[in-house]
Amino acid sequence: MEELEWCLERLENIQTHRSVSDMASSKVIQPSNL
């Protein structure tokens, strides 16, 4: 049970990090958004 919670937490962190990376890359592609 604890392992499942850890996996979910890990997945959430990865998704958050990925969305942040997407935002950063899109800003690099379109600096006019700044």
N, C-alpha and C. Protein backbone atom coordinates (compact mmCIF):
# COMPACT_ATOMS: atom_id res chain seq x y z
N MET A 1 0.84 -1.20 0.00
CA MET A 1 0.00 0.00 0.00
C MET A 1 0.88 1.25 0.00
N GLU A 2 1.92 1.25 0.82
CA GLU A 2 2.80 2.41 0.87
C GLU A 2 3.50 2.60 -0.47
N GLU A 3 3.85 1.49 -1.12
CA GLU A 3 4.54 1.59 -2.41
C GLU A 3 3.65 2.27 -3.44
N LEU A 4 2.35 1.97 -3.41
CA LEU A 4 1.42 2.57 -4.36
C LEU A 4 1.37 4.08 -4.16
N GLU A 5 1.28 4.49 -2.91
CA GLU A 5 1.24 5.93 -2.62
C GLU A 5 2.52 6.60 -3.11
N TRP A 6 3.65 5.91 -2.89
CA TRP A 6 4.93 6.46 -3.33
C TRP A 6 4.96 6.61 -4.85
N CYS A 7 4.42 5.61 -5.54
CA CYS A 7 4.40 5.66 -7.01
C CYS A 7 3.52 6.81 -7.48
N LEU A 8 2.37 6.98 -6.86
CA LEU A 8 1.47 8.07 -7.25
C LEU A 8 2.13 9.41 -7.01
N GLU A 9 2.80 9.53 -5.88
CA GLU A 9 3.49 10.78 -5.56
C GLU A 9 4.57 11.05 -6.59
N ARG A 10 5.29 10.01 -6.92
CA ARG A 10 6.37 10.12 -7.90
C ARG A 10 5.80 10.57 -9.25
N LEU A 11 4.69 9.95 -9.65
CA LEU A 11 4.06 10.27 -10.93
C LEU A 11 3.62 11.73 -10.95
N GLU A 12 3.04 12.18 -9.85
CA GLU A 12 2.59 13.58 -9.76
C GLU A 12 3.77 14.52 -9.94
N ASN A 13 4.87 14.22 -9.27
CA ASN A 13 6.06 15.07 -9.36
C ASN A 13 6.56 15.12 -10.80
N ILE A 14 6.54 13.97 -11.48
CA ILE A 14 7.02 13.92 -12.86
C ILE A 14 6.10 14.75 -13.75
N GLN A 15 4.80 14.63 -13.58
CA GLN A 15 3.85 15.39 -14.40
C GLN A 15 4.01 16.88 -14.17
N THR A 16 4.19 17.28 -12.92
CA THR A 16 4.37 18.70 -12.60
C THR A 16 5.65 19.20 -13.25
N HIS A 17 6.71 18.42 -13.12
CA HIS A 17 8.00 18.83 -13.69
C HIS A 17 7.88 18.93 -15.21
N ARG A 18 7.13 18.01 -15.81
CA ARG A 18 6.98 17.99 -17.26
C ARG A 18 6.23 19.23 -17.72
N SER A 19 5.16 19.59 -17.04
CA SER A 19 4.38 20.77 -17.43
C SER A 19 5.23 22.03 -17.29
N VAL A 20 6.05 22.07 -16.25
CA VAL A 20 6.94 23.23 -16.06
C VAL A 20 7.94 23.29 -17.20
N SER A 21 8.46 22.14 -17.60
CA SER A 21 9.42 22.10 -18.70
C SER A 21 8.75 22.54 -19.99
N ASP A 22 7.51 22.11 -20.20
CA ASP A 22 6.78 22.51 -21.40
C ASP A 22 6.60 24.02 -21.43
N MET A 23 6.23 24.60 -20.29
CA MET A 23 6.05 26.05 -20.21
C MET A 23 7.36 26.76 -20.54
N ALA A 24 8.45 26.26 -19.98
CA ALA A 24 9.75 26.88 -20.20
C ALA A 24 10.14 26.77 -21.67
N SER A 25 9.94 25.61 -22.27
CA SER A 25 10.32 25.43 -23.67
C SER A 25 9.45 26.28 -24.58
N SER A 26 8.17 26.42 -24.25
CA SER A 26 7.29 27.23 -25.09
C SER A 26 7.68 28.70 -24.98
N LYS A 27 8.18 29.10 -23.81
CA LYS A 27 8.63 30.49 -23.64
C LYS A 27 9.89 30.72 -24.45
N VAL A 28 10.72 29.70 -24.54
CA VAL A 28 11.95 29.82 -25.32
C VAL A 28 11.60 29.92 -26.80
N ILE A 29 10.59 29.14 -27.21
CA ILE A 29 10.17 29.15 -28.62
C ILE A 29 9.48 30.47 -28.95
N GLN A 30 8.66 30.96 -28.01
CA GLN A 30 7.93 32.20 -28.24
C GLN A 30 8.25 33.22 -27.15
N PRO A 31 9.39 33.89 -27.24
CA PRO A 31 9.79 34.85 -26.21
C PRO A 31 8.84 36.04 -26.13
N SER A 32 8.00 36.23 -27.15
CA SER A 32 7.07 37.36 -27.14
C SER A 32 6.01 37.19 -26.04
N ASN A 33 5.85 35.94 -25.55
CA ASN A 33 4.86 35.70 -24.50
C ASN A 33 5.31 36.30 -23.18
N LEU A 34 6.61 36.59 -23.04
CA LEU A 34 7.11 37.20 -21.81
C LEU A 34 6.61 38.63 -21.77
